[in-house]
Amino acid sequence: MLWQELTGDEFPESVRQTHGVCLVPLSCIERHGHHLPTGTDMFIGRELCRRAAALEPAIVFPDVIYTQILEARHVPGTIALDADVIMRLLDNICREIARNGLKKIVLVSAHGGNHHFVRYFAQTQLASTRDYVVYVADPIFTPETEAELAPLWETEVDGHAGEQETSQILAIRPDLVQLDRAPAAGEGLPLDRLKALNEAGLYTGIWWYGDHPTHYRGDGRPATAEKGHRLLDAQAQALARAVRLIKQDQTTSQLQQEFFQASERPAPL
């Protein structure tokens, strides 16, 4: 169920039917190589949540495109809001979702640059009492699915506008893919300009720019729509399994309430 397609009258019953689960597709607007649209992550996040909700009923929130993407401010088309703005915005969104009766909020990010951000955001939920739970979904493939998908891919390096994302957009919006513009000269290989630091376990915010200043990792040329559909279906099935677990989960909410009560008057353990 798409939030924006429900009438106000239908909404309460939809909340009941979905056991109060809301999927929030997180993405960003940024460059994706020479051949994919800046809204690549948005299209993928939306489609993934739509397919998952068709398998395991949930309400899908409208696209949240304002997330962490400061590393792409040097390329045209990027929308990179200040960190405090996106934190406050997502917190406000979660509170509004909960106010409408959906107490299990699932953040589904289609943007790799959100990995640290969404986990920190989830931790900030412990700062004050809430009557809802925020889950960060990173659905895991079964070994069988991994084995089924592995033969599809022809490239060894992937990750941004490469074979997988290009295949997904070919499946979702083929009219926006300009595959003839995908470079053939190895532009998608990492430059390893910070290799020594990385190998020593050192992290800096500039790491992505150090490897991929043109925001391209991999090779999009072997992509096909068929590969994209198979990947999206597998991801949706994994997310649907996660949603089923979330619907059954009562422990997290109980632990949160126990924690909030204890944190009001901390006592020696």
Protein backbone atom coordinates (compact mmCIF):
# COMPACT_ATOMS: atom_id res chain seq x y z
CA MET A 1 0.00 0.00 0.00
CA LEU A 2 1.35 3.40 -0.95
CA TRP A 3 0.67 6.03 1.71
CA GLN A 4 -0.15 8.72 -0.84
CA GLU A 5 -2.71 6.56 -2.64
CA LEU A 6 -4.82 5.82 0.45
CA THR A 7 -7.79 7.97 1.33
CA GLY A 8 -8.10 9.34 4.84
CA ASP A 9 -11.05 6.99 5.40
CA GLU A 10 -9.02 3.97 4.30
CA PHE A 11 -5.98 4.79 6.40
CA PRO A 12 -7.00 3.37 9.83
CA GLU A 13 -8.02 0.02 8.33
CA SER A 14 -4.78 -0.10 6.33
CA VAL A 15 -2.83 0.42 9.54
CA ARG A 16 -4.68 -2.52 11.06
CA GLN A 17 -4.16 -4.76 8.04
CA THR A 18 -0.42 -4.07 7.99
CA HIS A 19 -0.01 -4.52 11.78
CA GLY A 20 1.25 -0.95 12.00
CA VAL A 21 4.33 -1.47 9.79
CA CYS A 22 5.55 1.38 7.60
CA LEU A 23 8.41 1.06 5.10
CA VAL A 24 10.36 4.27 4.59
CA PRO A 25 12.43 4.27 1.37
CA LEU A 26 15.53 6.38 1.96
CA SER A 27 17.59 7.61 -0.95
CA CYS A 28 19.31 10.68 -2.28
CA ILE A 29 19.70 12.70 -5.46
CA GLU A 30 23.23 12.39 -6.79
CA ARG A 31 25.30 11.62 -9.85
CA HIS A 32 25.34 7.99 -11.01
CA GLY A 33 28.12 7.80 -13.57
CA HIS A 34 27.54 9.13 -17.06
CA HIS A 35 24.54 6.97 -17.93
CA LEU A 36 22.08 6.78 -15.03
CA PRO A 37 19.68 9.44 -13.66
CA THR A 38 20.42 11.37 -10.47
CA GLY A 39 17.30 9.78 -9.00
CA THR A 40 18.65 6.21 -9.37
CA ASP A 41 18.55 5.45 -5.64
CA MET A 42 15.07 6.96 -5.35
CA PHE A 43 13.67 4.74 -8.10
CA ILE A 44 15.30 1.63 -6.63
CA GLY A 45 14.23 2.33 -3.04
CA ARG A 46 10.65 2.99 -4.06
CA GLU A 47 10.42 -0.13 -6.22
CA LEU A 48 12.05 -2.36 -3.62
CA CYS A 49 9.56 -1.27 -0.96
CA ARG A 50 6.63 -1.59 -3.37
CA ARG A 51 7.57 -5.17 -4.30
CA ALA A 52 8.17 -6.14 -0.67
CA ALA A 53 4.82 -4.68 0.43
CA ALA A 54 3.09 -6.72 -2.29
CA LEU A 55 4.54 -9.86 -0.68
CA GLU A 56 4.03 -8.87 2.97
CA PRO A 57 1.50 -6.04 3.47
CA ALA A 58 2.96 -2.78 4.73
CA ILE A 59 2.34 0.89 4.11
CA VAL A 60 5.06 2.48 2.00
CA PHE A 61 5.89 6.07 2.90
CA PRO A 62 6.59 8.57 0.08
CA ASP A 63 10.21 8.83 -1.05
CA VAL A 64 12.59 10.40 1.47
CA ILE A 65 15.33 11.78 -0.78
CA TYR A 66 17.02 14.09 1.74
CA THR A 67 19.67 11.91 3.38
CA GLN A 68 23.47 11.85 3.71
CA ILE A 69 25.26 12.69 0.44
CA LEU A 70 27.84 15.35 1.30
CA GLU A 71 30.50 13.37 -0.58
CA ALA A 72 28.83 14.29 -3.89
CA ARG A 73 28.69 18.07 -3.49
CA HIS A 74 31.38 18.53 -6.15
CA VAL A 75 29.28 17.09 -9.00
CA PRO A 76 26.23 18.65 -10.71
CA GLY A 77 22.74 17.56 -9.71
CA THR A 78 23.45 16.63 -6.10
CA ILE A 79 21.10 17.75 -3.32
CA ALA A 80 23.09 17.64 -0.07
CA LEU A 81 21.36 19.20 2.92
CA ASP A 82 23.09 20.03 6.20
CA ALA A 83 23.50 17.12 8.60
CA ASP A 84 21.36 18.62 11.36
CA VAL A 85 18.56 19.30 8.88
CA ILE A 86 18.35 15.70 7.65
CA MET A 87 18.51 14.35 11.21
CA ARG A 88 15.68 16.60 12.34
CA LEU A 89 13.68 15.93 9.19
CA LEU A 90 13.86 12.15 9.55
CA ASP A 91 13.01 12.37 13.24
CA ASN A 92 10.00 14.53 12.40
CA ILE A 93 8.94 12.07 9.68
CA CYS A 94 9.10 9.15 12.12
CA ARG A 95 7.04 11.03 14.69
CA GLU A 96 4.41 11.82 12.05
CA ILE A 97 4.30 8.21 10.90
CA ALA A 98 3.76 7.08 14.50
CA ARG A 99 1.12 9.76 15.10
CA ASN A 100 -0.84 8.21 12.26
CA GLY A 101 -0.86 4.85 14.04
CA LEU A 102 2.13 3.08 12.48
CA LYS A 103 4.32 2.13 15.42
CA LYS A 104 6.84 -0.06 13.58
CA ILE A 105 8.89 2.12 11.25
CA VAL A 106 11.33 0.39 8.90
CA LEU A 107 14.09 2.44 7.30
CA VAL A 108 15.02 0.91 3.93
CA SER A 109 17.99 2.69 2.39
CA ALA A 110 18.83 2.38 -1.30
CA HIS A 111 21.90 4.60 -0.87
CA GLY A 112 25.15 3.08 0.38
CA GLY A 113 26.27 6.40 1.83
CA ASN A 114 23.53 6.12 4.46
CA HIS A 115 25.05 3.09 6.19
CA HIS A 116 26.49 4.96 9.17
CA PHE A 117 23.82 7.67 9.17
CA VAL A 118 20.79 5.40 9.61
CA ARG A 119 22.42 3.43 12.40
CA TYR A 120 23.34 6.58 14.28
CA PHE A 121 19.80 7.86 13.73
CA ALA A 122 18.42 4.65 15.22
CA GLN A 123 20.61 5.17 18.30
CA THR A 124 19.28 8.72 18.73
CA GLN A 125 15.81 7.24 19.23
CA LEU A 126 16.94 6.38 22.76
CA ALA A 127 17.38 10.04 23.66
CA SER A 128 13.75 10.48 24.71
CA THR A 129 10.67 8.36 25.31
CA ARG A 130 8.84 7.15 22.21
CA ASP A 131 5.84 4.91 21.63
CA TYR A 132 7.23 3.49 18.40
CA VAL A 133 10.23 1.50 17.21
CA VAL A 134 12.59 2.38 14.36
CA TYR A 135 14.13 -0.59 12.58
CA VAL A 136 17.01 -0.36 10.10
CA ALA A 137 16.49 -3.00 7.41
CA ASP A 138 19.48 -4.58 5.68
CA PRO A 139 17.80 -7.72 4.32
CA ILE A 140 20.10 -10.71 3.96
CA PHE A 141 19.88 -13.19 1.10
CA THR A 142 19.59 -16.86 1.87
CA PRO A 143 22.52 -19.02 0.69
CA GLU A 144 20.22 -20.39 -2.01
CA THR A 145 19.45 -16.91 -3.31
CA GLU A 146 23.11 -15.94 -3.24
CA ALA A 147 23.93 -19.01 -5.33
CA GLU A 148 21.13 -18.24 -7.76
CA LEU A 149 22.18 -14.61 -8.31
CA ALA A 150 25.95 -15.08 -8.46
CA PRO A 151 26.09 -16.42 -12.06
CA LEU A 152 24.22 -13.33 -13.32
CA TRP A 153 27.06 -10.90 -12.79
CA GLU A 154 29.85 -10.48 -15.32
CA THR A 155 31.83 -7.81 -13.46
CA GLU A 156 34.04 -8.24 -10.41
CA VAL A 157 33.97 -4.59 -9.27
CA ASP A 158 30.54 -3.06 -8.65
CA GLY A 159 28.84 -0.71 -6.26
CA HIS A 160 27.69 2.54 -7.89
CA ALA A 161 26.08 2.84 -11.33
CA GLY A 162 27.69 -0.50 -12.17
CA GLU A 163 26.14 -3.68 -13.47
CA GLN A 164 23.63 -4.17 -10.65
CA GLU A 165 22.23 -0.65 -10.32
CA THR A 166 22.15 -0.22 -14.08
CA SER A 167 20.22 -3.49 -14.38
CA GLN A 168 17.75 -2.31 -11.74
CA ILE A 169 17.06 0.97 -13.53
CA LEU A 170 16.73 -0.91 -16.84
CA ALA A 171 14.01 -2.92 -15.10
CA ILE A 172 12.30 0.09 -13.50
CA ARG A 173 12.83 3.03 -15.88
CA PRO A 174 14.60 1.89 -19.04
CA ASP A 175 13.77 5.21 -20.68
CA LEU A 176 16.22 6.95 -18.33
CA VAL A 177 19.24 4.72 -19.03
CA GLN A 178 21.78 5.98 -21.55
CA LEU A 179 23.92 2.87 -21.73
CA ASP A 180 25.90 4.14 -24.71
CA ARG A 181 27.42 6.72 -22.36
CA ALA A 182 28.82 4.15 -19.91
CA PRO A 183 32.61 4.43 -20.27
CA ALA A 184 34.69 1.47 -21.35
CA ALA A 185 38.08 2.72 -20.17
CA GLY A 186 38.04 1.46 -16.59
CA GLU A 187 36.74 4.67 -15.04
CA GLY A 188 34.75 2.61 -12.54
CA LEU A 189 37.80 1.02 -10.94
CA PRO A 190 38.97 2.43 -7.56
CA LEU A 191 41.90 4.84 -7.70
CA ASP A 192 43.24 3.61 -4.33
CA ARG A 193 44.58 7.05 -3.44
CA LEU A 194 44.08 6.27 0.27
CA LYS A 195 44.95 2.59 0.07
CA ALA A 196 47.59 2.64 2.80
CA LEU A 197 45.20 4.30 5.26
CA ASN A 198 42.34 1.97 4.35
CA GLU A 199 44.48 -1.11 4.82
CA ALA A 200 45.48 0.18 8.25
CA GLY A 201 41.83 0.41 9.27
CA LEU A 202 41.72 4.20 9.09
CA TYR A 203 38.59 5.98 7.93
CA THR A 204 38.18 9.52 6.59
CA GLY A 205 35.15 11.25 5.14
CA ILE A 206 36.94 11.80 1.86
CA TRP A 207 37.47 8.06 1.23
CA TRP A 208 34.83 7.76 -1.50
CA TYR A 209 36.18 10.76 -3.40
CA GLY A 210 39.63 9.22 -3.04
CA ASP A 211 38.49 6.13 -4.93
CA HIS A 212 35.63 7.32 -7.14
CA PRO A 213 35.63 11.08 -7.83
CA THR A 214 33.29 10.66 -10.84
CA HIS A 215 30.75 8.68 -8.78
CA TYR A 216 31.09 5.54 -10.81
CA ARG A 217 32.15 2.16 -9.47
CA GLY A 218 31.97 -0.89 -11.67
CA ASP A 219 30.92 -1.29 -15.29
CA GLY A 220 27.31 -0.78 -16.30
CA ARG A 221 27.66 -2.14 -19.84
CA PRO A 222 26.75 -5.82 -19.11
CA ALA A 223 23.50 -4.76 -17.40
CA THR A 224 20.11 -6.08 -18.54
CA ALA A 225 16.54 -5.57 -17.42
CA GLU A 226 16.18 -9.29 -16.72
CA LYS A 227 19.08 -9.16 -14.25
CA GLY A 228 17.49 -6.12 -12.65
CA HIS A 229 14.12 -7.81 -12.16
CA ARG A 230 15.73 -10.90 -10.65
CA LEU A 231 17.79 -8.80 -8.24
CA LEU A 232 14.84 -6.62 -7.22
CA ASP A 233 12.63 -9.66 -6.66
CA ALA A 234 15.29 -11.30 -4.49
CA GLN A 235 15.76 -8.12 -2.46
CA ALA A 236 11.99 -7.73 -2.06
CA GLN A 237 11.65 -11.30 -0.83
CA ALA A 238 14.40 -10.72 1.73
CA LEU A 239 12.76 -7.49 2.88
CA ALA A 240 9.37 -9.20 3.10
CA ARG A 241 10.88 -11.85 5.39
CA ALA A 242 12.22 -9.05 7.57
CA VAL A 243 8.79 -7.40 7.68
CA ARG A 244 7.23 -10.66 8.86
CA LEU A 245 9.73 -10.81 11.71
CA ILE A 246 9.04 -7.19 12.60
CA LYS A 247 5.31 -7.85 12.77
CA GLN A 248 5.95 -10.67 15.26
CA ASP A 249 8.44 -8.65 17.31
CA GLN A 250 7.14 -7.52 20.69
CA THR A 251 10.45 -7.67 22.53
CA THR A 252 12.00 -4.52 21.09
CA SER A 253 9.10 -2.31 22.15
CA GLN A 254 9.07 -3.87 25.64
CA LEU A 255 12.82 -3.34 26.02
CA GLN A 256 12.53 0.28 24.89
CA GLN A 257 9.82 1.03 27.43
CA GLU A 258 11.84 -0.68 30.15
CA PHE A 259 14.88 1.38 29.13
CA PHE A 260 12.97 4.68 29.05
CA GLN A 261 11.57 4.09 32.52
CA ALA A 262 14.98 3.15 33.91
CA SER A 263 16.67 6.15 32.27
CA GLU A 264 14.34 8.60 34.03
CA ARG A 265 15.87 7.63 37.38
CA PRO A 266 19.14 5.77 36.80
CA ALA A 267 20.01 3.44 39.67
CA PRO A 268 23.02 1.25 40.41
CA LEU A 269 22.80 -2.17 38.83
